[in-house]
Protein backbone atom coordinates (compact mmCIF):
# COMPACT_ATOMS: atom_id res chain seq x y z
CA UNK A 1 0.09 0.01 -0.09
CA UNK A 2 1.79 3.02 -1.12
CA UNK A 3 1.44 6.68 0.20
CA UNK A 4 0.01 9.04 -2.30
CA UNK A 5 -0.12 12.56 -2.72
CA UNK A 6 -3.14 14.67 -4.10
CA UNK A 7 -4.14 18.28 -4.25
CA UNK A 8 -7.35 20.02 -3.37
CA UNK A 9 -8.14 22.06 -6.53
CA UNK A 10 -11.07 23.32 -8.77
CA UNK A 11 -13.76 22.93 -6.39
CA UNK A 12 -12.42 23.99 -3.48
CA UNK A 13 -10.60 26.92 -4.88
CA UNK A 14 -13.75 28.29 -6.80
CA UNK A 15 -15.90 28.35 -3.83
CA UNK A 16 -13.55 29.35 -1.38
CA UNK A 17 -10.99 31.18 -3.37
CA UNK A 18 -9.35 32.57 -0.16
CA UNK A 19 -8.25 29.11 1.02
CA UNK A 20 -4.64 28.09 0.39
CA UNK A 21 -3.59 24.78 -1.73
CA UNK A 22 -3.78 22.11 0.67
CA UNK A 23 -1.54 18.84 -0.53
CA UNK A 24 -2.30 15.61 1.42
CA UNK A 25 -0.51 12.25 1.93
CA UNK A 26 -2.68 9.34 2.13
CA UNK A 27 -3.39 5.52 2.09
CA UNK A 28 -6.00 3.15 0.59
CA UNK A 29 -7.41 0.71 2.24
CA UNK A 30 -10.19 -1.55 1.32
CA UNK A 31 -11.76 1.39 -0.38
CA UNK A 32 -11.30 3.80 2.38
CA UNK A 33 -8.99 6.72 2.65
CA UNK A 34 -6.63 7.55 5.87
CA UNK A 35 -4.94 10.81 5.71
CA UNK A 36 -1.23 10.43 6.87
CA UNK A 37 0.08 14.00 6.32
CA UNK A 38 0.14 16.90 4.47
CA UNK A 39 2.32 19.58 3.12
CA UNK A 40 1.66 23.37 2.58
CA UNK A 41 0.82 26.20 4.91
CA UNK A 42 -2.93 26.82 4.49
CA UNK A 43 -4.52 28.91 7.46
CA UNK A 44 -7.83 27.52 6.70
CA UNK A 45 -8.22 23.83 6.07
CA UNK A 46 -11.49 21.81 5.19
CA UNK A 47 -10.93 18.19 5.01
CA UNK A 48 -12.74 16.23 1.94
CA UNK A 49 -15.21 13.90 2.61
CA UNK A 50 -14.11 11.84 -0.02
CA UNK A 51 -11.40 11.84 -3.01
CA UNK A 52 -11.16 9.69 -6.03
CA UNK A 53 -14.12 8.33 -5.54
CA UNK A 54 -13.40 6.98 -2.17
CA UNK A 55 -14.84 8.14 1.45
CA UNK A 56 -12.16 9.70 3.63
CA UNK A 57 -12.76 7.81 6.93
CA UNK A 58 -9.55 8.36 9.27
CA UNK A 59 -6.74 10.71 9.98
CA UNK A 60 -3.56 8.99 11.37
CA UNK A 61 -1.63 9.98 14.07
CA UNK A 62 0.62 13.16 13.95
CA UNK A 63 -1.08 13.93 10.73
CA UNK A 64 -1.27 17.55 11.60
CA UNK A 65 0.92 17.82 14.37
CA UNK A 66 2.57 21.17 14.87
CA UNK A 67 1.09 22.68 11.74
CA UNK A 68 1.91 26.30 12.91
CA UNK A 69 0.16 28.37 10.14
CA UNK A 70 -3.20 26.21 10.52
CA UNK A 71 -6.41 28.27 12.06
CA UNK A 72 -9.41 26.49 11.40
CA UNK A 73 -10.04 22.74 10.65
CA UNK A 74 -13.35 21.22 9.77
CA UNK A 75 -13.43 17.45 9.98
CA UNK A 76 -16.12 16.03 7.94
CA UNK A 77 -18.79 13.56 9.18
CA UNK A 78 -17.08 10.79 6.97
CA UNK A 79 -14.10 10.57 9.62
CA UNK A 80 -14.42 7.76 12.03
CA UNK A 81 -11.12 7.79 13.66
CA UNK A 82 -8.59 10.20 14.42
CA UNK A 83 -5.09 9.02 15.66
CA UNK A 84 -2.80 10.07 18.75
CA UNK A 85 -1.34 13.40 18.60
CA UNK A 86 -3.01 13.93 15.31
CA UNK A 87 -3.49 17.73 15.87
CA UNK A 88 -1.16 18.28 18.64
CA UNK A 89 0.39 21.55 18.90
CA UNK A 90 -0.91 23.58 16.46
CA UNK A 91 -0.25 27.18 18.16
CA UNK A 92 -2.66 28.88 15.93
CA UNK A 93 -5.59 26.67 15.70
CA UNK A 94 -8.59 28.70 17.28
CA UNK A 95 -11.42 26.83 15.34
CA UNK A 96 -11.94 22.87 15.18
CA UNK A 97 -15.17 21.52 13.87
CA UNK A 98 -15.33 17.89 14.45
CA UNK A 99 -17.58 15.31 12.58
CA UNK A 100 -20.69 13.79 13.85
CA UNK A 101 -19.90 10.33 12.89
CA UNK A 102 -16.60 10.34 14.64
CA UNK A 103 -16.39 7.51 17.22
CA UNK A 104 -12.61 7.37 18.06
CA UNK A 105 -10.07 9.81 18.84
CA UNK A 106 -6.33 9.15 20.20
CA UNK A 107 -4.11 10.33 23.09
CA UNK A 108 -3.53 13.67 23.08
CA UNK A 109 -5.03 14.56 19.86
CA UNK A 110 -5.70 18.17 20.28
CA UNK A 111 -2.96 19.01 23.38
CA UNK A 112 -1.34 21.92 23.13
CA UNK A 113 -3.38 24.11 20.63
CA UNK A 114 -3.77 27.18 23.32
CA UNK A 115 -5.87 29.49 20.85
CA UNK A 116 -8.82 26.75 20.44
CA UNK A 117 -11.57 28.87 21.82
CA UNK A 118 -15.02 27.12 21.18
CA UNK A 119 -15.70 23.41 21.01
CA UNK A 120 -18.49 20.96 20.35
CA UNK A 121 -17.42 17.27 21.26
CA UNK A 122 -20.19 14.99 19.16
CA UNK A 123 -22.08 12.07 21.22
CA UNK A 124 -20.80 9.65 18.46
CA UNK A 125 -17.72 9.31 20.12
CA UNK A 126 -17.25 6.21 21.69
CA UNK A 127 -13.14 5.42 22.55
CA UNK A 128 -11.36 8.46 23.53
CA UNK A 129 -7.50 8.58 24.52
CA UNK A 130 -6.67 10.74 27.62
CA UNK A 131 -5.14 14.21 27.43
CA UNK A 132 -7.03 14.79 24.24
CA UNK A 133 -7.83 18.31 24.83
CA UNK A 134 -5.03 19.03 27.60
CA UNK A 135 -3.54 22.15 27.90
CA UNK A 136 -5.58 24.06 25.35
CA UNK A 137 -5.35 27.10 27.56
CA UNK A 138 -7.24 29.35 25.28
CA UNK A 139 -10.78 27.17 25.73
CA UNK A 140 -13.59 29.22 27.05
CA UNK A 141 -16.53 26.99 26.11
CA UNK A 142 -17.55 23.41 25.29
CA UNK A 143 -20.18 20.91 24.70
CA UNK A 144 -19.56 17.34 25.28
CA UNK A 145 -21.89 14.49 23.92
CA UNK A 146 -19.17 11.83 24.09
CA UNK A 147 -19.96 8.95 26.48
CA UNK A 148 -17.20 9.40 28.39
CA UNK A 149 -14.76 12.69 29.46
CA UNK A 150 -11.58 10.60 29.61
CA UNK A 151 -8.35 10.96 32.16
CA UNK A 152 -6.86 14.37 31.81
CA UNK A 153 -9.27 15.79 28.65
CA UNK A 154 -9.28 19.30 29.82
CA UNK A 155 -6.09 19.21 32.22
CA UNK A 156 -4.82 23.13 32.37
CA UNK A 157 -7.35 24.58 30.59
CA UNK A 158 -7.56 27.89 32.70
CA UNK A 159 -9.92 29.81 30.61
CA UNK A 160 -12.58 27.31 30.64
CA UNK A 161 -15.87 28.89 32.14
CA UNK A 162 -18.66 27.02 30.68
CA UNK A 163 -19.01 23.05 30.40
CA UNK A 164 -22.43 21.68 29.19
CA UNK A 165 -22.57 17.78 29.35
CA UNK A 166 -25.15 16.08 27.16
CA UNK A 167 -27.24 12.85 28.35
CA UNK A 168 -24.95 10.74 26.26
CA UNK A 169 -22.25 11.42 28.81
CA UNK A 170 -21.70 8.04 31.05
CA UNK A 171 -18.36 8.66 33.06
CA UNK A 172 -16.06 11.54 34.03
CA UNK A 173 -12.37 10.63 34.02
CA UNK A 174 -9.13 11.15 36.39
CA UNK A 175 -8.29 14.51 36.19
CA UNK A 176 -10.42 15.75 33.56
CA UNK A 177 -11.08 19.16 34.49
CA UNK A 178 -7.95 19.42 36.68
CA UNK A 179 -6.69 23.06 36.81
CA UNK A 180 -9.62 24.68 34.98
CA UNK A 181 -9.51 27.40 37.16
CA UNK A 182 -12.25 29.56 35.58
CA UNK A 183 -15.13 26.88 35.40
CA UNK A 184 -18.08 28.40 37.41
CA UNK A 185 -20.29 25.93 37.35
CA UNK A 186 -21.23 22.35 36.16
CA UNK A 187 -24.34 20.31 36.04
CA UNK A 188 -23.56 16.76 35.70
CA UNK A 189 -26.59 14.61 34.06
CA UNK A 190 -28.38 11.72 35.15
CA UNK A 191 -26.65 9.75 32.65
CA UNK A 192 -23.49 9.86 34.46
CA UNK A 193 -22.27 7.28 36.75
CA UNK A 194 -18.56 7.62 37.77
CA UNK A 195 -16.42 10.59 38.49
CA UNK A 196 -12.79 10.18 38.31
CA UNK A 197 -10.20 11.14 40.82
CA UNK A 198 -9.29 14.88 40.69
CA UNK A 199 -11.59 15.31 38.27
CA UNK A 200 -12.47 19.12 39.25
CA UNK A 201 -9.45 19.44 41.40
CA UNK A 202 -8.15 23.07 41.86
CA UNK A 203 -11.50 24.36 39.61
CA UNK A 204 -11.11 27.38 42.25
CA UNK A 205 -13.61 29.43 40.75
CA UNK A 206 -16.47 26.71 40.63
CA UNK A 207 -19.40 28.03 42.66
CA UNK A 208 -22.30 25.15 41.86
CA UNK A 209 -22.07 21.75 41.39
CA UNK A 210 -25.23 19.85 40.52
CA UNK A 211 -24.55 15.98 40.95
CA UNK A 212 -27.07 13.60 38.68
CA UNK A 213 -29.06 11.21 40.57
CA UNK A 214 -27.42 8.34 38.93
CA UNK A 215 -23.85 8.69 40.12
CA UNK A 216 -22.58 6.05 41.87
CA UNK A 217 -18.63 6.51 42.81
CA UNK A 218 -17.08 9.93 43.41
CA UNK A 219 -13.30 9.65 42.96
CA UNK A 220 -10.46 10.80 45.40
CA UNK A 221 -9.90 14.46 45.93
CA UNK A 222 -12.57 15.32 42.74
CA UNK A 223 -13.13 18.72 44.06
CA UNK A 224 -9.86 19.14 46.01
CA UNK A 225 -9.49 22.97 46.62
CA UNK A 226 -12.50 24.01 45.05
CA UNK A 227 -12.56 27.11 46.94
CA UNK A 228 -15.49 29.08 45.74
CA UNK A 229 -17.81 25.57 45.79
CA UNK A 230 -20.73 26.95 48.41
CA UNK A 231 -22.98 23.82 48.36
CA UNK A 232 -23.14 19.88 47.31
CA UNK A 233 -26.17 17.20 47.73
CA UNK A 234 -24.44 13.87 47.29
CA UNK A 235 -27.02 11.49 45.38
CA UNK A 236 -28.41 8.68 47.19
CA UNK A 237 -26.61 5.79 44.85
CA UNK A 238 -23.06 6.98 46.03
CA UNK A 239 -22.06 4.40 48.73
CA UNK A 240 -18.98 6.05 50.09
CA UNK A 241 -16.95 9.29 49.68
CA UNK A 242 -13.31 8.97 48.97
CA UNK A 243 -10.38 10.49 50.34
CA UNK A 244 -9.99 14.10 50.11
CA UNK A 245 -13.21 14.55 48.02
CA UNK A 246 -14.13 18.01 49.26
CA UNK A 247 -10.97 18.63 50.77
CA UNK A 248 -9.91 22.50 51.41
CA UNK A 249 -13.39 23.66 49.78
CA UNK A 250 -13.21 26.72 52.21
CA UNK A 251 -16.60 28.13 51.18
CA UNK A 252 -18.38 25.11 51.51
CA UNK A 253 -21.70 25.70 53.74
CA UNK A 254 -24.11 23.11 53.06
CA UNK A 255 -23.83 19.20 52.60
CA UNK A 256 -26.56 16.90 52.26
CA UNK A 257 -25.15 13.01 52.02
CA UNK A 258 -27.18 10.40 50.23
CA UNK A 259 -29.01 7.90 52.31
CA UNK A 260 -26.66 4.88 50.96
CA UNK A 261 -23.43 6.45 51.70
CA UNK A 262 -21.48 3.72 54.24
CA UNK A 263 -18.16 5.35 54.93
CA UNK A 264 -16.28 8.96 54.93
CA UNK A 265 -13.09 8.67 53.84
CA UNK A 266 -9.76 10.54 55.16
CA UNK A 267 -9.85 14.23 55.01
CA UNK A 268 -12.97 14.12 52.98
CA UNK A 269 -14.46 17.37 54.29
CA UNK A 270 -10.60 18.67 55.95
CA UNK A 271 -10.49 22.23 56.05
CA UNK A 272 -14.01 23.13 55.27
CA UNK A 273 -13.81 25.96 57.58
CA UNK A 274 -17.39 27.70 56.62
CA UNK A 275 -19.23 24.24 57.01
CA UNK A 276 -21.87 24.76 59.96
CA UNK A 277 -23.93 21.58 60.00
CA UNK A 278 -23.80 17.85 59.02
CA UNK A 279 -26.22 15.25 59.40
CA UNK A 280 -24.46 11.56 59.30
CA UNK A 281 -26.82 9.27 57.47
CA UNK A 282 -27.72 5.92 59.36
CA UNK A 283 -26.00 3.54 56.64
CA UNK A 284 -22.69 5.47 57.55
CA UNK A 285 -20.27 2.77 59.39
CA UNK A 286 -17.14 4.33 59.66
CA UNK A 287 -15.58 8.33 59.73
CA UNK A 288 -12.28 8.13 58.54
CA UNK A 289 -9.06 9.77 59.82
CA UNK A 290 -9.20 13.51 59.63
CA UNK A 291 -12.73 13.55 57.97
CA UNK A 292 -13.77 17.13 59.58
CA UNK A 293 -10.21 17.94 60.77
CA UNK A 294 -10.23 21.69 61.27
CA UNK A 295 -13.92 22.39 60.11
CA UNK A 296 -13.60 25.28 62.41
CA UNK A 297 -17.14 27.17 61.64
CA UNK A 298 -18.81 23.58 62.59
CA UNK A 299 -21.66 23.90 65.31
CA UNK A 300 -23.80 21.07 64.97
CA UNK A 301 -23.01 17.29 63.85
CA UNK A 302 -25.83 14.70 64.19
CA UNK A 303 -24.21 11.02 64.40
CA UNK A 304 -26.71 8.67 63.42
CA UNK A 305 -27.44 5.00 64.70
CA UNK A 306 -25.00 2.68 62.81
CA UNK A 307 -22.00 4.35 63.21
CA UNK A 308 -19.15 1.99 64.49
CA UNK A 309 -16.20 3.74 64.33
CA UNK A 310 -14.67 7.69 64.39
CA UNK A 311 -11.15 7.91 63.01
CA UNK A 312 -7.98 9.56 64.25
CA UNK A 313 -8.66 13.20 64.59
CA UNK A 314 -11.64 12.98 62.65
CA UNK A 315 -13.05 16.14 64.13
CA UNK A 316 -9.83 17.62 65.40
CA UNK A 317 -10.02 21.60 65.42
CA UNK A 318 -13.56 21.93 65.13
CA UNK A 319 -13.33 24.71 67.59
CA UNK A 320 -16.94 25.98 67.17
CA UNK A 321 -18.28 22.45 68.12
CA UNK A 322 -20.29 22.93 71.42
CA UNK A 323 -21.97 19.36 72.04
CA UNK A 324 -21.84 15.73 70.45
CA UNK A 325 -23.82 12.90 71.16
CA UNK A 326 -22.05 9.44 70.30
CA UNK A 327 -24.78 6.98 69.08
CA UNK A 328 -25.01 3.31 70.92
CA UNK A 329 -23.38 1.74 67.88
CA UNK A 330 -20.02 3.37 68.28
CA UNK A 331 -17.29 1.18 69.48
CA UNK A 332 -14.19 2.79 69.04
CA UNK A 333 -13.19 6.49 68.77
CA UNK A 334 -9.48 7.22 67.34
CA UNK A 335 -6.63 9.41 68.48
CA UNK A 336 -7.35 13.17 68.97
CA UNK A 337 -10.68 12.81 67.59
CA UNK A 338 -12.17 15.91 69.46
CA UNK A 339 -8.87 16.93 71.03
CA UNK A 340 -8.89 20.62 69.88
CA UNK A 341 -12.75 21.36 70.03
CA UNK A 342 -11.99 24.12 72.54
CA UNK A 343 -15.53 25.03 72.58
CA UNK A 344 -16.82 21.93 73.27
CA UNK A 345 -18.86 21.55 76.45
CA UNK A 346 -21.16 18.49 76.40
CA UNK A 347 -20.18 15.00 75.86
CA UNK A 348 -23.29 12.22 75.46
CA UNK A 349 -23.01 8.47 75.38
CA UNK A 350 -25.85 6.45 74.14
CA UNK A 351 -24.23 3.23 74.66
CA UNK A 352 -21.65 1.23 76.31
CA UNK A 353 -18.32 2.75 76.81
CA UNK A 354 -16.17 2.48 73.35
CA UNK A 355 -12.70 1.87 73.26
CA UNK A 356 -10.52 5.18 72.91
CA UNK A 357 -7.38 6.24 71.63
CA UNK A 358 -5.06 8.87 73.10
CA UNK A 359 -5.93 12.48 73.83
CA UNK A 360 -9.48 11.98 72.35
CA UNK A 361 -11.15 15.05 74.12
CA UNK A 362 -9.93 18.40 75.11
CA UNK A 363 -8.78 18.27 78.92
CA UNK A 364 -10.89 21.02 80.14
CA UNK A 365 -12.72 21.16 83.48
CA UNK A 366 -15.84 22.82 81.93
CA UNK A 367 -16.54 20.09 79.57
CA UNK A 368 -19.62 17.67 80.99
CA UNK A 369 -19.73 13.90 80.09
CA UNK A 370 -22.42 11.82 80.61
CA UNK A 371 -23.76 8.22 80.11
CA UNK A 372 -27.30 6.52 80.24
CA UNK A 373 -28.63 4.32 82.98
CA UNK A 374 -28.16 0.40 82.05
CA UNK A 375 -25.16 0.96 79.94
CA UNK A 376 -21.90 -0.41 80.91
CA UNK A 377 -18.34 -0.04 80.98
CA UNK A 378 -18.16 3.36 82.73
CA UNK A 379 -16.63 4.79 85.91
CA UNK A 380 -16.10 7.94 87.54
CA UNK A 381 -13.82 9.39 84.67
CA UNK A 382 -13.44 8.36 80.76
CA UNK A 383 -10.80 9.73 78.62
CA UNK A 384 -9.41 12.19 81.32
CA UNK A 385 -13.30 13.41 81.56
CA UNK A 386 -15.46 13.32 84.79
CA UNK A 387 -18.45 11.22 83.95
CA UNK A 388 -22.06 11.53 85.40
CA UNK A 389 -25.21 9.80 84.62
CA UNK A 390 -27.35 11.20 81.73
CA UNK A 391 -31.08 11.43 83.10
CA UNK A 392 -34.21 12.99 81.80
CA UNK A 393 -34.61 16.65 82.27
CA UNK A 394 -37.36 18.77 82.86
CA UNK A 395 -37.45 22.54 81.47
CA UNK A 396 -38.73 24.84 83.68
CA UNK A 397 -37.95 27.86 81.85
CA UNK A 398 -39.07 29.17 78.12
CA UNK A 399 -42.33 29.46 76.55
CA UNK A 400 -43.57 25.80 77.21
CA UNK A 401 -43.41 25.64 81.14
CA UNK A 402 -46.52 26.86 82.79
CA UNK A 403 -50.12 27.11 82.46
CA UNK A 404 -51.35 27.05 78.80
CA UNK A 405 -54.99 26.54 77.76
CA UNK A 406 -55.90 25.27 80.90
CA UNK A 407 -53.28 22.43 81.20
CA UNK A 408 -49.97 22.70 82.99
CA UNK A 409 -47.11 21.48 80.82
CA UNK A 410 -43.16 21.41 80.05
CA UNK A 411 -40.99 20.28 78.00
CA UNK A 412 -38.93 16.94 78.48
CA UNK A 413 -35.32 16.42 77.24
CA UNK A 414 -33.42 13.30 77.25
CA UNK A 415 -31.62 10.99 74.52
CA UNK A 416 -33.43 10.33 71.66
CA UNK A 417 -35.44 6.99 71.66
CA UNK A 418 -35.56 6.66 75.46
CA UNK A 419 -38.85 6.44 77.94
CA UNK A 420 -39.70 9.19 80.51
CA UNK A 421 -42.40 8.24 82.66
CA UNK A 422 -43.75 11.62 84.50
CA UNK A 423 -44.89 11.06 88.00
CA UNK A 424 -46.89 13.46 90.30
CA UNK A 425 -47.81 13.90 94.03
CA UNK A 426 -49.63 16.07 96.11
CA UNK A 427 -47.35 15.59 99.24
CA UNK A 428 -44.03 14.56 98.00
CA UNK A 429 -44.41 10.97 99.24
CA UNK A 430 -46.93 9.20 97.37
CA UNK A 431 -46.24 9.36 93.40
CA UNK A 432 -48.49 7.96 90.73
CA UNK A 433 -47.45 7.82 87.10
CA UNK A 434 -49.54 10.19 85.14
CA UNK A 435 -47.88 10.16 81.33
CA UNK A 436 -45.17 7.90 79.78
CA UNK A 437 -43.39 9.44 76.87
CA UNK A 438 -41.07 8.29 74.12
CA UNK A 439 -38.53 10.76 73.06
CA UNK A 440 -38.44 9.96 69.38
CA UNK A 441 -36.62 13.21 68.97
CA UNK A 442 -34.65 13.68 72.12
CA UNK A 443 -37.49 15.90 73.56
CA UNK A 444 -41.68 15.58 74.29
CA UNK A 445 -44.34 18.14 75.42
CA UNK A 446 -45.93 16.90 79.08
CA UNK A 447 -49.20 18.28 79.59
CA UNK A 448 -51.67 17.97 82.74
CA UNK A 449 -55.15 19.05 82.40
CA UNK A 450 -56.13 17.39 85.78
CA UNK A 451 -53.85 19.90 87.76
CA UNK A 452 -56.87 22.29 88.69
CA UNK A 453 -58.22 19.16 90.51
CA UNK A 454 -55.70 19.77 93.35
CA UNK A 455 -54.65 22.10 95.86
CA UNK A 456 -50.85 21.71 94.84
CA UNK A 457 -49.24 19.38 92.44
CA UNK A 458 -45.69 18.30 92.01
CA UNK A 459 -44.10 16.48 89.01
CA UNK A 460 -40.74 14.22 88.90
CA UNK A 461 -39.59 12.18 85.95
CA UNK A 462 -38.07 8.81 86.21
CA UNK A 463 -37.28 5.90 83.47
CA UNK A 464 -39.22 2.70 83.19
């Protein structure tokens, strides 16, 4: 099979007289033409869909590599495959039209084309090499229909500000948008199932991310140092948050975790200093080390039943956290898990005493620690803290206390799920049960419509 040279003359020059002469070297195989290279220095190049009666179906690797004069390239619908490095390092290329039947492009195909600006990637693309648009530093807008956004596709594209993903996209590869520092928002369609590691790392202008409902996995450090990301909702199909997923997202203020999440990885939310509240779903069994380390704005943490372990320094330096309730399922708390929580004043344990690492809690005389009756493993101190029995509380202040619509009432507070019996007496000697309350949310309201039948009545609380 001998390479042949041909010249685009006639119709091309007549219809588009401003185009320079383009000379191609090509091969023919089974009635189809592959472009191997070209000579000449055109600025605008339209690849023909056929020549000599044969369709042009592929572009070989390096065919247009380092074409310094090329500013515009049109790839016809007849092209099916484009090889590795085919259009790499074309410093003046600003406009590319990719045919709608291209199904495969190779590695680094359009990489290092710094003036490439606006790009439409067709849905026909199935097989894509990594780094295909790597360091296209002038790229500002893209529309993507291909099934996979593969590894390093847009790494080092700092001017990319608008990315539209169509519903044909299934996967987002590793480091796909790494260092796209001007990308401000991204909507991941429901068709996407996987987001690779470092996919949006250092997208420092990214403020809004919408994750499609079918995302199953989010890779390590996928949104690492997205400094301006403010909120995120994790879909229900995601089962784990990988290490450093949202590490150093310093503006992240609102996080909703999907119901299927079972583990939160190392450094997953480290240095999310603007995060104020987090609710851990019931299916989470482990919070790994440093997961919420230095979340200095965190004031409220809900640890749901099902959690079995809290890793080393998991909540270390959460300096605004004032109280924490440890579920009965927790069997182990790692080293320094709450050590530098300098505002922590109340620690309540709902189950038996868990095993403790070193320096778990801050050593502060103002910290109160409590355990429920009928639980085991407790002594007068625990982890350096003085311990006391955690008993039901009757609130005697606030709007709930006193006479309301001919009834006397008050709020009850205790551990969620516990049962409290309210007893009444007229003489502080004979006590009779009046009402039994199950505190499904940790509190309940008691009211006594019979209080007017007595000259005086006293109340006390007990567990069954």
